[in-house]
Amino acid sequence: MDIISEIIKGNNRFISAYSDPEPYFMYSMQNHSNKSFDAEIIEYYYDKLRYAVQNAITLIEEAFREEYFDFYGVDKTAVSSPKQMCSNLIFESFTLDIDDMSVGAYLSNKHFMPGHFIEAHWDSEWKLSYVWID
């Protein structure tokens, strides 16, 4: 968590690495009993996170849809427009699927989307694969 905290330091578009539940992790849906999260995979994760930190605004804008402002879970007394909503979204999670090296994130803000999030997934080349609001 200390390395992740150092990577995101100063970027208010990312939740603290020490949040509960842990928002930064890697996972696999396949059985990798003989494959561990070795140093190369961990460094790959850190590289993806560094990229996201440097390009957070672009990634959030790419994933955001204006119609998300009309979602029932958005508190319109706390945010007044799609533009304001987009500019205040943060990465509440950042994950790496080691099966295909894709990145997933929950974008939200507890002040105007409590209990809800925009789920975004990018492939290993940072092409947006899918996005939805929940």
Protein backbone atom coordinates (compact mmCIF):
# COMPACT_ATOMS: atom_id res chain seq x y z
CA MET A 1 0.00 0.00 0.00
CA ASP A 2 2.91 2.38 0.63
CA ILE A 3 4.08 2.12 -2.99
CA ILE A 4 0.55 2.71 -4.27
CA SER A 5 0.19 5.67 -1.94
CA GLU A 6 3.43 7.12 -3.32
CA ILE A 7 2.22 6.65 -6.92
CA ILE A 8 -1.13 8.41 -6.34
CA LYS A 9 0.27 11.06 -4.00
CA GLY A 10 -1.14 14.47 -4.74
CA ASN A 11 -3.77 13.29 -7.22
CA ASN A 12 -7.22 13.99 -5.81
CA ARG A 13 -8.81 11.75 -8.46
CA PHE A 14 -7.78 8.63 -6.52
CA ILE A 15 -9.03 7.30 -3.20
CA SER A 16 -6.48 6.58 -0.49
CA ALA A 17 -4.60 3.29 -0.77
CA TYR A 18 -5.46 2.68 2.88
CA SER A 19 -9.25 2.83 2.39
CA ASP A 20 -11.44 -0.04 3.49
CA PRO A 21 -12.18 -2.22 1.64
CA GLU A 22 -8.86 -2.19 -0.18
CA PRO A 23 -9.45 -0.41 -3.49
CA TYR A 24 -6.21 -1.43 -5.25
CA PHE A 25 -5.73 -5.07 -6.19
CA MET A 26 -5.01 -7.72 -8.81
CA TYR A 27 -7.15 -10.77 -9.43
CA SER A 28 -7.58 -13.81 -11.64
CA MET A 29 -10.71 -15.76 -12.52
CA GLN A 30 -8.63 -18.74 -13.60
CA ASN A 31 -6.86 -21.22 -11.39
CA HIS A 32 -3.24 -20.12 -11.30
CA SER A 33 -2.08 -22.54 -8.63
CA ASN A 34 1.38 -22.57 -10.18
CA LYS A 35 1.42 -18.88 -11.06
CA SER A 36 1.95 -16.29 -8.40
CA PHE A 37 1.76 -12.55 -8.57
CA ASP A 38 5.47 -12.27 -9.32
CA ALA A 39 7.51 -9.07 -9.36
CA GLU A 40 6.95 -8.60 -13.10
CA ILE A 41 3.16 -8.64 -12.74
CA ILE A 42 3.29 -6.36 -9.71
CA GLU A 43 5.48 -3.87 -11.60
CA TYR A 44 3.06 -4.06 -14.55
CA TYR A 45 0.23 -3.15 -12.16
CA TYR A 46 2.23 -0.18 -10.85
CA ASP A 47 2.94 0.95 -14.43
CA LYS A 48 -0.77 0.81 -15.27
CA LEU A 49 -1.56 2.78 -12.12
CA ARG A 50 1.09 5.39 -12.97
CA TYR A 51 -0.47 5.78 -16.41
CA ALA A 52 -3.93 6.18 -14.88
CA VAL A 53 -2.66 8.78 -12.42
CA GLN A 54 -1.05 10.78 -15.23
CA ASN A 55 -4.14 10.47 -17.46
CA ALA A 56 -6.94 10.39 -14.90
CA ILE A 57 -8.96 13.24 -16.38
CA THR A 58 -8.85 11.78 -19.89
CA LEU A 59 -9.77 8.28 -18.68
CA ILE A 60 -12.68 9.57 -16.61
CA GLU A 61 -13.96 11.75 -19.45
CA GLU A 62 -13.71 8.79 -21.83
CA ALA A 63 -15.78 6.60 -19.51
CA PHE A 64 -18.37 9.24 -18.58
CA ARG A 65 -21.69 9.54 -20.43
CA GLU A 66 -23.87 12.65 -20.00
CA GLU A 67 -26.93 10.45 -19.45
CA TYR A 68 -25.32 9.16 -16.23
CA PHE A 69 -26.32 12.46 -14.65
CA ASP A 70 -29.95 11.30 -14.97
CA PHE A 71 -29.25 8.07 -13.05
CA TYR A 72 -31.53 7.74 -10.01
CA GLY A 73 -28.53 7.33 -7.68
CA VAL A 74 -27.10 10.79 -8.44
CA ASP A 75 -27.90 13.40 -5.77
CA LYS A 76 -28.70 16.47 -7.84
CA THR A 77 -28.60 18.70 -4.76
CA ALA A 78 -24.88 17.91 -4.50
CA VAL A 79 -24.01 18.12 -8.20
CA SER A 80 -25.83 20.33 -10.69
CA SER A 81 -24.74 19.26 -14.18
CA PRO A 82 -23.16 16.41 -16.13
CA LYS A 83 -20.00 18.50 -16.52
CA GLN A 84 -19.73 19.08 -12.77
CA MET A 85 -20.43 15.40 -12.12
CA CYS A 86 -17.68 14.28 -14.50
CA SER A 87 -15.17 16.77 -13.11
CA ASN A 88 -15.73 15.44 -9.57
CA LEU A 89 -15.56 11.70 -10.22
CA ILE A 90 -12.71 9.80 -8.60
CA PHE A 91 -11.19 6.35 -8.94
CA GLU A 92 -12.64 4.47 -5.96
CA SER A 93 -10.96 1.27 -7.12
CA PHE A 94 -8.23 0.25 -9.52
CA THR A 95 -7.87 -3.40 -10.47
CA LEU A 96 -5.81 -5.56 -12.80
CA ASP A 97 -7.13 -8.81 -14.25
CA ILE A 98 -3.97 -10.85 -14.66
CA ASP A 99 -5.74 -13.24 -17.05
CA ASP A 100 -5.81 -10.63 -19.84
CA MET A 101 -3.94 -7.71 -18.20
CA SER A 102 -7.02 -5.48 -18.47
CA VAL A 103 -7.74 -2.66 -16.03
CA GLY A 104 -11.00 -2.05 -14.22
CA ALA A 105 -12.11 0.86 -12.08
CA TYR A 106 -15.08 2.09 -10.13
CA LEU A 107 -15.58 5.81 -10.70
CA SER A 108 -17.74 7.54 -8.14
CA ASN A 109 -17.94 10.23 -5.50
CA LYS A 110 -19.55 9.57 -2.14
CA HIS A 111 -20.87 13.14 -2.02
CA PHE A 112 -23.23 12.72 -4.97
CA MET A 113 -23.29 8.98 -5.79
CA PRO A 114 -23.36 7.27 -2.38
CA GLY A 115 -23.48 3.50 -2.88
CA HIS A 116 -23.30 3.79 -6.68
CA PHE A 117 -20.51 3.84 -9.23
CA ILE A 118 -19.58 3.86 -12.88
CA GLU A 119 -17.73 0.67 -13.73
CA ALA A 120 -15.17 1.08 -16.51
CA HIS A 121 -12.87 -1.49 -18.09
CA TRP A 122 -9.95 -0.90 -20.43
CA ASP A 123 -8.00 -3.56 -22.29
CA SER A 124 -4.25 -3.90 -21.90
CA GLU A 125 -3.73 -1.13 -24.49
CA TRP A 126 -6.05 1.34 -22.68
CA LYS A 127 -8.91 0.96 -25.17
CA LEU A 128 -12.22 1.29 -23.33
CA SER A 129 -13.87 -2.14 -23.41
CA TYR A 130 -17.11 -1.35 -21.60
CA VAL A 131 -18.67 1.01 -19.12
CA TRP A 132 -21.94 1.11 -17.18
CA ILE A 133 -23.48 2.73 -14.16
CA ASP A 134 -24.81 0.89 -11.15
